[in-house]
Amino acid sequence: MEVQITSNEKNGKAFLGEDQSPLAEMTFTWAGSDKIIINHTEGSDALKGKSAGNKMLMALIEKAKEEGFKIMPLCPFAHSVFQRDASIKDVWF
């Protein structure tokens, strides 16, 4: 299952499954044009143990590196990943 990312000028999400009823999603808010704030990660029981949260976060990190924006992880899950992985600190705000 591939991670999809949707966004407008105010907010967005990375998700697995269908847009209207995702199996997992990571929501974010734009803070200006160069930063997103990840505020929530949620997944269905069907995806527990399948690294859904990590897949969504890595998709957002890849997008941040490609497009030149930073990520502020207020979501406890995303924040814990940033604290543990030195290879992604270049996009951490």
N, C-alpha and C. Protein backbone atom coordinates (compact mmCIF):
# COMPACT_ATOMS: atom_id res chain seq x y z
N MET A 1 0.84 -1.17 0.00
CA MET A 1 0.00 0.00 0.00
C MET A 1 0.89 1.24 0.00
N GLU A 2 0.61 2.14 -0.90
CA GLU A 2 1.42 3.33 -1.08
C GLU A 2 0.87 4.51 -0.29
N VAL A 3 1.78 5.30 0.27
CA VAL A 3 1.41 6.51 1.00
C VAL A 3 1.03 7.58 -0.01
N GLN A 4 -0.09 8.23 0.24
CA GLN A 4 -0.53 9.36 -0.56
C GLN A 4 -0.48 10.61 0.31
N ILE A 5 -0.21 11.74 -0.30
CA ILE A 5 -0.16 13.01 0.43
C ILE A 5 -1.06 14.01 -0.28
N THR A 6 -1.95 14.61 0.49
CA THR A 6 -2.79 15.68 -0.04
C THR A 6 -2.56 16.93 0.81
N SER A 7 -2.67 18.09 0.18
CA SER A 7 -2.41 19.32 0.90
C SER A 7 -3.04 20.50 0.18
N ASN A 8 -3.44 21.49 0.97
CA ASN A 8 -3.83 22.78 0.41
C ASN A 8 -2.95 23.82 1.09
N GLU A 9 -3.28 25.07 0.97
CA GLU A 9 -2.40 26.10 1.56
C GLU A 9 -2.46 26.17 3.08
N LYS A 10 -3.41 25.48 3.71
CA LYS A 10 -3.53 25.53 5.17
C LYS A 10 -3.14 24.23 5.86
N ASN A 11 -3.56 23.10 5.32
CA ASN A 11 -3.28 21.83 5.99
C ASN A 11 -3.23 20.68 4.99
N GLY A 12 -2.93 19.51 5.52
CA GLY A 12 -2.84 18.35 4.66
C GLY A 12 -2.72 17.07 5.46
N LYS A 13 -2.49 15.98 4.74
CA LYS A 13 -2.31 14.70 5.41
C LYS A 13 -1.56 13.74 4.50
N ALA A 14 -0.85 12.82 5.16
CA ALA A 14 -0.29 11.66 4.50
C ALA A 14 -1.18 10.52 4.95
N PHE A 15 -1.53 9.61 4.03
CA PHE A 15 -2.46 8.55 4.42
C PHE A 15 -2.25 7.28 3.63
N LEU A 16 -2.76 6.21 4.18
CA LEU A 16 -2.80 4.90 3.54
C LEU A 16 -4.25 4.51 3.37
N GLY A 17 -4.61 4.02 2.20
CA GLY A 17 -5.99 3.66 1.94
C GLY A 17 -6.68 4.74 1.12
N GLU A 18 -7.97 4.85 1.32
CA GLU A 18 -8.78 5.82 0.58
C GLU A 18 -8.79 7.18 1.29
N ASP A 19 -8.83 8.24 0.52
CA ASP A 19 -8.80 9.60 1.06
C ASP A 19 -9.93 9.85 2.05
N GLN A 20 -11.15 9.45 1.72
CA GLN A 20 -12.30 9.73 2.57
C GLN A 20 -12.40 8.80 3.78
N SER A 21 -11.78 7.63 3.72
CA SER A 21 -11.79 6.72 4.87
C SER A 21 -10.45 5.98 4.93
N PRO A 22 -9.39 6.72 5.31
CA PRO A 22 -8.05 6.12 5.32
C PRO A 22 -7.90 5.06 6.42
N LEU A 23 -7.02 4.10 6.16
CA LEU A 23 -6.68 3.10 7.18
C LEU A 23 -5.71 3.68 8.19
N ALA A 24 -4.93 4.67 7.76
CA ALA A 24 -4.00 5.38 8.64
C ALA A 24 -3.79 6.77 8.06
N GLU A 25 -3.57 7.75 8.94
CA GLU A 25 -3.30 9.10 8.46
C GLU A 25 -2.44 9.87 9.44
N MET A 26 -1.66 10.79 8.87
CA MET A 26 -0.82 11.70 9.63
C MET A 26 -1.19 13.09 9.15
N THR A 27 -1.76 13.90 10.03
CA THR A 27 -2.23 15.22 9.63
C THR A 27 -1.19 16.29 9.97
N PHE A 28 -1.21 17.35 9.16
CA PHE A 28 -0.29 18.46 9.39
C PHE A 28 -0.94 19.77 9.00
N THR A 29 -0.35 20.85 9.51
CA THR A 29 -0.77 22.22 9.22
C THR A 29 0.43 22.98 8.68
N TRP A 30 0.20 23.79 7.66
CA TRP A 30 1.28 24.63 7.13
C TRP A 30 1.49 25.82 8.07
N ALA A 31 2.73 26.12 8.37
CA ALA A 31 3.11 27.30 9.15
C ALA A 31 3.98 28.16 8.22
N GLY A 32 3.35 28.98 7.43
CA GLY A 32 4.05 29.71 6.39
C GLY A 32 4.22 28.81 5.17
N SER A 33 5.15 29.16 4.31
CA SER A 33 5.36 28.38 3.09
C SER A 33 6.53 27.41 3.21
N ASP A 34 7.24 27.45 4.34
CA ASP A 34 8.45 26.64 4.45
C ASP A 34 8.47 25.69 5.64
N LYS A 35 7.30 25.46 6.26
CA LYS A 35 7.28 24.59 7.44
C LYS A 35 5.90 23.95 7.59
N ILE A 36 5.91 22.65 7.97
CA ILE A 36 4.66 22.00 8.36
C ILE A 36 4.77 21.56 9.80
N ILE A 37 3.63 21.51 10.45
CA ILE A 37 3.54 21.04 11.83
C ILE A 37 2.73 19.75 11.81
N ILE A 38 3.39 18.64 12.10
CA ILE A 38 2.67 17.37 12.18
C ILE A 38 1.97 17.34 13.53
N ASN A 39 0.64 17.24 13.51
CA ASN A 39 -0.10 17.33 14.76
C ASN A 39 -0.79 16.05 15.19
N HIS A 40 -0.91 15.05 14.32
CA HIS A 40 -1.63 13.84 14.74
C HIS A 40 -1.30 12.68 13.82
N THR A 41 -1.17 11.50 14.41
CA THR A 41 -1.00 10.27 13.65
C THR A 41 -2.00 9.26 14.20
N GLU A 42 -2.69 8.58 13.29
CA GLU A 42 -3.70 7.61 13.70
C GLU A 42 -3.72 6.47 12.70
N GLY A 43 -3.93 5.27 13.20
CA GLY A 43 -4.01 4.11 12.32
C GLY A 43 -5.04 3.12 12.80
N SER A 44 -5.56 2.32 11.88
CA SER A 44 -6.54 1.31 12.23
C SER A 44 -5.84 0.11 12.85
N ASP A 45 -6.60 -0.67 13.58
CA ASP A 45 -6.05 -1.88 14.20
C ASP A 45 -5.51 -2.84 13.15
N ALA A 46 -6.07 -2.82 11.96
CA ALA A 46 -5.63 -3.72 10.89
C ALA A 46 -4.18 -3.46 10.48
N LEU A 47 -3.67 -2.25 10.74
CA LEU A 47 -2.30 -1.91 10.35
C LEU A 47 -1.33 -1.93 11.52
N LYS A 48 -1.76 -2.29 12.70
CA LYS A 48 -0.85 -2.33 13.85
C LYS A 48 0.31 -3.27 13.56
N GLY A 49 1.51 -2.80 13.86
CA GLY A 49 2.71 -3.60 13.65
C GLY A 49 3.21 -3.63 12.22
N LYS A 50 2.62 -2.85 11.34
CA LYS A 50 3.01 -2.85 9.93
C LYS A 50 3.77 -1.57 9.54
N SER A 51 4.23 -0.81 10.52
CA SER A 51 5.02 0.41 10.30
C SER A 51 4.29 1.48 9.49
N ALA A 52 2.98 1.55 9.61
CA ALA A 52 2.20 2.54 8.86
C ALA A 52 2.63 3.96 9.22
N GLY A 53 2.78 4.24 10.50
CA GLY A 53 3.19 5.58 10.92
C GLY A 53 4.54 5.96 10.37
N ASN A 54 5.47 5.03 10.42
CA ASN A 54 6.80 5.29 9.91
C ASN A 54 6.78 5.53 8.40
N LYS A 55 5.99 4.77 7.66
CA LYS A 55 5.89 4.94 6.21
C LYS A 55 5.34 6.33 5.87
N MET A 56 4.32 6.76 6.60
CA MET A 56 3.75 8.08 6.32
C MET A 56 4.75 9.19 6.64
N LEU A 57 5.44 9.06 7.78
CA LEU A 57 6.41 10.07 8.17
C LEU A 57 7.55 10.13 7.16
N MET A 58 8.05 8.98 6.73
CA MET A 58 9.15 8.97 5.77
C MET A 58 8.73 9.59 4.43
N ALA A 59 7.47 9.39 4.04
CA ALA A 59 6.97 10.02 2.81
C ALA A 59 6.96 11.54 2.95
N LEU A 60 6.54 12.04 4.12
CA LEU A 60 6.55 13.49 4.35
C LEU A 60 7.98 14.03 4.41
N ILE A 61 8.89 13.27 5.01
CA ILE A 61 10.29 13.70 5.08
C ILE A 61 10.90 13.76 3.69
N GLU A 62 10.62 12.76 2.86
CA GLU A 62 11.12 12.76 1.49
C GLU A 62 10.59 13.98 0.73
N LYS A 63 9.31 14.27 0.91
CA LYS A 63 8.70 15.44 0.25
C LYS A 63 9.36 16.73 0.76
N ALA A 64 9.62 16.81 2.07
CA ALA A 64 10.27 18.00 2.64
C ALA A 64 11.66 18.20 2.05
N LYS A 65 12.40 17.12 1.90
CA LYS A 65 13.75 17.23 1.32
C LYS A 65 13.69 17.66 -0.14
N GLU A 66 12.73 17.13 -0.89
CA GLU A 66 12.58 17.49 -2.30
C GLU A 66 12.13 18.92 -2.49
N GLU A 67 11.21 19.38 -1.63
CA GLU A 67 10.60 20.69 -1.82
C GLU A 67 11.19 21.79 -0.93
N GLY A 68 12.08 21.42 -0.02
CA GLY A 68 12.79 22.41 0.79
C GLY A 68 12.03 23.01 1.95
N PHE A 69 11.13 22.25 2.56
CA PHE A 69 10.47 22.76 3.76
C PHE A 69 10.91 21.95 4.98
N LYS A 70 10.65 22.50 6.16
CA LYS A 70 11.01 21.88 7.43
C LYS A 70 9.78 21.28 8.09
N ILE A 71 10.03 20.39 9.05
CA ILE A 71 8.94 19.72 9.76
C ILE A 71 9.08 19.94 11.26
N MET A 72 8.01 20.41 11.87
CA MET A 72 7.93 20.53 13.32
C MET A 72 7.00 19.39 13.79
N PRO A 73 7.54 18.37 14.45
CA PRO A 73 6.73 17.23 14.85
C PRO A 73 6.11 17.41 16.24
N LEU A 74 4.92 17.97 16.33
CA LEU A 74 4.24 18.09 17.61
C LEU A 74 3.58 16.77 18.02
N CYS A 75 3.24 15.96 17.06
CA CYS A 75 2.67 14.63 17.32
C CYS A 75 3.72 13.80 18.07
N PRO A 76 3.35 13.18 19.20
CA PRO A 76 4.33 12.39 19.97
C PRO A 76 5.02 11.29 19.16
N PHE A 77 4.28 10.62 18.28
CA PHE A 77 4.91 9.58 17.48
C PHE A 77 5.99 10.16 16.58
N ALA A 78 5.64 11.18 15.80
CA ALA A 78 6.60 11.79 14.87
C ALA A 78 7.80 12.37 15.63
N HIS A 79 7.54 13.00 16.75
CA HIS A 79 8.61 13.59 17.55
C HIS A 79 9.59 12.52 18.02
N SER A 80 9.08 11.38 18.45
CA SER A 80 9.96 10.30 18.92
C SER A 80 10.83 9.76 17.80
N VAL A 81 10.32 9.69 16.59
CA VAL A 81 11.12 9.22 15.46
C VAL A 81 12.23 10.22 15.16
N PHE A 82 11.92 11.51 15.16
CA PHE A 82 12.94 12.53 14.92
C PHE A 82 14.03 12.47 15.98
N GLN A 83 13.67 12.21 17.21
CA GLN A 83 14.67 12.15 18.28
C GLN A 83 15.62 10.97 18.11
N ARG A 84 15.14 9.88 17.53
CA ARG A 84 15.95 8.66 17.41
C ARG A 84 16.77 8.56 16.13
N ASP A 85 16.39 9.27 15.07
CA ASP A 85 17.00 9.07 13.77
C ASP A 85 17.77 10.31 13.31
N ALA A 86 19.08 10.25 13.42
CA ALA A 86 19.93 11.39 13.05
C ALA A 86 19.87 11.71 11.56
N SER A 87 19.53 10.74 10.73
CA SER A 87 19.54 10.95 9.28
C SER A 87 18.42 11.87 8.78
N ILE A 88 17.45 12.17 9.63
CA ILE A 88 16.34 13.03 9.20
C ILE A 88 16.33 14.39 9.89
N LYS A 89 17.32 14.64 10.70
CA LYS A 89 17.36 15.91 11.46
C LYS A 89 17.54 17.15 10.59
N ASP A 90 17.93 16.95 9.32
CA ASP A 90 18.11 18.11 8.44
C ASP A 90 16.78 18.78 8.10
N VAL A 91 15.67 18.08 8.26
CA VAL A 91 14.37 18.70 7.99
C VAL A 91 13.60 19.01 9.28
N TRP A 92 14.20 18.72 10.43
CA TRP A 92 13.55 18.94 11.73
C TRP A 92 13.64 20.41 12.09
N PHE A 93 12.52 20.99 12.45
CA PHE A 93 12.49 22.38 12.89
C PHE A 93 12.12 22.41 14.36
